[in-house]
């Protein structure tokens, strides 16, 4: 419908979501021990369909307890370094340029076993899991240690459970 027709009918032009641009060094920073995460999209610009974060894993960083997501896919694209993914009982070394997709229900974890930092881009579809990382940061900010149990407690709030038989 053109502008004249809109004026006659009183219809307002449809506007889509605002463009979101996050430049270098911008975005929300979440620090969890030896992992620094930069939230590039928390879901607020995608109607909560997608969240994206960049994570820097320091050398010899252990990941979370092996777990399963009940309601979201998680993707990991390794930008630099090497990340070890454990899916069930299988381990895979993912180097720069590798994409790992984890659908709901698949047990997984990751770690950086090397002497160099590793950087990866993570996607969460839908955005459900971003708040989990914020919750963990609050645990640390409150002076409490980031124990496996603290991680498991936070996971349970976001349709995620530990893969206890694999932990």
Protein backbone atom coordinates (compact mmCIF):
# COMPACT_ATOMS: atom_id res chain seq x y z
CA UNK A 1 0.00 0.00 0.00
CA UNK A 2 1.41 3.40 -0.97
CA UNK A 3 1.49 6.52 1.25
CA UNK A 4 -1.69 8.03 -0.32
CA UNK A 5 -3.70 4.88 0.29
CA UNK A 6 -2.41 4.69 3.88
CA UNK A 7 -3.45 8.30 4.47
CA UNK A 8 -7.00 7.58 3.18
CA UNK A 9 -7.47 4.46 5.30
CA UNK A 10 -5.60 5.68 8.36
CA UNK A 11 -3.36 2.61 8.24
CA UNK A 12 0.07 3.14 9.72
CA UNK A 13 3.13 1.87 7.87
CA UNK A 14 4.43 -1.42 9.21
CA UNK A 15 7.78 -1.17 10.88
CA UNK A 16 10.06 -4.12 11.42
CA UNK A 17 12.48 -4.71 14.23
CA UNK A 18 15.22 -2.14 14.59
CA UNK A 19 18.59 -2.99 13.15
CA UNK A 20 21.03 -4.11 15.82
CA UNK A 21 24.75 -3.45 15.43
CA UNK A 22 27.26 -4.52 18.08
CA UNK A 23 30.74 -3.24 17.35
CA UNK A 24 34.12 -4.49 18.53
CA UNK A 25 34.38 -4.23 22.30
CA UNK A 26 30.63 -3.66 22.68
CA UNK A 27 28.00 -5.96 24.12
CA UNK A 28 27.39 -7.29 27.59
CA UNK A 29 30.46 -8.89 29.20
CA UNK A 30 30.03 -11.87 31.51
CA UNK A 31 33.10 -13.27 33.27
CA UNK A 32 32.87 -16.79 34.66
CA UNK A 33 36.19 -17.80 36.14
CA UNK A 34 38.60 -18.33 33.25
CA UNK A 35 35.92 -17.75 30.60
CA UNK A 36 35.02 -14.30 29.30
CA UNK A 37 31.77 -14.09 27.36
CA UNK A 38 30.57 -11.17 25.27
CA UNK A 39 26.83 -11.31 24.59
CA UNK A 40 26.34 -9.98 21.07
CA UNK A 41 22.59 -10.64 20.91
CA UNK A 42 20.57 -11.58 23.99
CA UNK A 43 17.36 -12.23 22.06
CA UNK A 44 15.89 -8.78 22.56
CA UNK A 45 16.32 -7.94 18.85
CA UNK A 46 15.19 -11.33 17.51
CA UNK A 47 11.90 -11.72 19.37
CA UNK A 48 13.82 -14.24 21.52
CA UNK A 49 14.37 -16.68 18.64
CA UNK A 50 18.18 -16.42 18.73
CA UNK A 51 21.00 -15.31 21.03
CA UNK A 52 24.68 -15.09 20.10
CA UNK A 53 27.76 -14.84 22.31
CA UNK A 54 31.50 -14.81 21.79
CA UNK A 55 33.47 -16.73 24.43
CA UNK A 56 37.17 -16.67 25.17
CA UNK A 57 38.32 -19.78 27.04
CA UNK A 58 41.65 -19.33 28.79
CA UNK A 59 44.21 -22.13 28.48
CA UNK A 60 43.27 -25.26 30.46
CA UNK A 61 39.67 -24.14 31.06
CA UNK A 62 37.30 -26.88 32.11
CA UNK A 63 33.76 -26.50 30.87
CA UNK A 64 30.48 -27.05 32.65
CA UNK A 65 29.33 -30.47 33.83
CA UNK A 66 28.05 -32.52 30.90
CA UNK A 67 24.39 -31.57 30.40
CA UNK A 68 21.34 -31.71 28.13
CA UNK A 69 19.14 -28.83 27.02
CA UNK A 70 15.44 -29.56 26.90
CA UNK A 71 14.24 -26.61 24.84
CA UNK A 72 17.03 -25.05 22.82
CA UNK A 73 19.67 -25.82 20.22
CA UNK A 74 23.20 -24.70 20.94
CA UNK A 75 25.80 -24.02 18.28
CA UNK A 76 29.54 -23.46 18.66
CA UNK A 77 31.74 -22.04 15.91
CA UNK A 78 35.44 -22.11 16.80
CA UNK A 79 37.11 -18.87 15.71
CA UNK A 80 40.60 -19.62 17.05
CA UNK A 81 42.40 -22.18 19.15
CA UNK A 82 41.17 -25.69 19.92
CA UNK A 83 38.08 -26.66 21.90
CA UNK A 84 37.48 -30.22 23.06
CA UNK A 85 33.83 -31.19 22.81
CA UNK A 86 32.56 -34.18 24.72
CA UNK A 87 29.24 -35.53 23.50
CA UNK A 88 28.17 -38.50 25.55
CA UNK A 89 31.35 -40.55 25.73
CA UNK A 90 32.89 -39.28 22.47
CA UNK A 91 35.52 -36.54 22.45
CA UNK A 92 36.30 -34.37 19.44
CA UNK A 93 38.93 -31.68 19.01
CA UNK A 94 37.46 -28.69 17.17
CA UNK A 95 39.89 -26.22 15.62
CA UNK A 96 39.28 -22.84 13.96
CA UNK A 97 36.59 -23.06 11.30
CA UNK A 98 34.73 -25.96 12.96
CA UNK A 99 31.01 -25.77 13.70
CA UNK A 100 29.45 -28.00 16.36
CA UNK A 101 25.64 -28.08 16.63
CA UNK A 102 23.99 -29.62 19.68
CA UNK A 103 20.23 -30.25 19.41
CA UNK A 104 17.98 -30.55 22.47
CA UNK A 105 18.49 -33.74 24.47
CA UNK A 106 22.11 -34.41 23.43
CA UNK A 107 24.54 -34.60 26.38
CA UNK A 108 27.59 -32.37 25.91
CA UNK A 109 30.30 -30.21 27.41
CA UNK A 110 33.42 -28.44 26.17
CA UNK A 111 36.85 -27.44 27.44
CA UNK A 112 40.09 -25.85 26.32
CA UNK A 113 42.81 -28.40 27.13
CA UNK A 114 45.59 -26.48 25.35
CA UNK A 115 48.21 -23.92 26.36
CA UNK A 116 46.59 -21.22 24.17
CA UNK A 117 43.29 -19.33 24.49
CA UNK A 118 40.36 -20.53 22.38
CA UNK A 119 37.63 -18.27 21.01
CA UNK A 120 34.22 -19.48 19.88
CA UNK A 121 30.95 -18.00 18.77
CA UNK A 122 27.90 -19.63 20.38
CA UNK A 123 24.27 -19.55 19.31
CA UNK A 124 21.24 -20.34 21.46
CA UNK A 125 17.97 -21.01 19.63
CA UNK A 126 15.75 -19.79 21.23
CA UNK A 127 17.59 -17.35 23.53
CA UNK A 128 16.58 -19.15 26.74
CA UNK A 129 20.12 -19.91 27.98
CA UNK A 130 21.66 -16.42 28.08
CA UNK A 131 20.12 -15.78 31.49
CA UNK A 132 21.87 -18.92 32.81
CA UNK A 133 25.25 -17.20 32.29
CA UNK A 134 24.00 -14.05 34.00
CA UNK A 135 22.84 -16.17 36.94
CA UNK A 136 26.29 -17.77 37.25
CA UNK A 137 27.92 -14.36 37.22
CA UNK A 138 25.61 -13.33 40.08
CA UNK A 139 26.79 -16.37 42.07
CA UNK A 140 30.38 -15.16 41.71
CA UNK A 141 29.46 -11.53 42.39
CA UNK A 142 27.78 -12.68 45.60
CA UNK A 143 31.10 -14.11 46.79
CA UNK A 144 30.05 -17.72 46.37
CA UNK A 145 32.21 -20.23 44.49
CA UNK A 146 31.13 -21.45 41.08
CA UNK A 147 30.78 -25.10 42.04
CA UNK A 148 29.38 -27.85 39.82
CA UNK A 149 26.28 -27.81 42.05
CA UNK A 150 25.83 -24.05 41.53
CA UNK A 151 25.96 -24.67 37.76
CA UNK A 152 23.45 -27.52 38.02
CA UNK A 153 21.09 -25.41 40.15
CA UNK A 154 21.19 -22.60 37.58
CA UNK A 155 20.78 -25.03 34.66
CA UNK A 156 17.56 -26.39 36.13
CA UNK A 157 15.91 -22.98 35.77
CA UNK A 158 16.46 -23.06 31.98
CA UNK A 159 15.16 -26.47 30.89
CA UNK A 160 18.62 -28.02 31.25
CA UNK A 161 19.72 -30.99 33.32
CA UNK A 162 23.04 -32.63 34.04
CA UNK A 163 23.86 -35.84 32.22
CA UNK A 164 24.61 -37.45 35.57
CA UNK A 165 25.49 -40.88 34.24
CA UNK A 166 28.23 -39.19 32.17
CA UNK A 167 29.49 -36.64 34.71
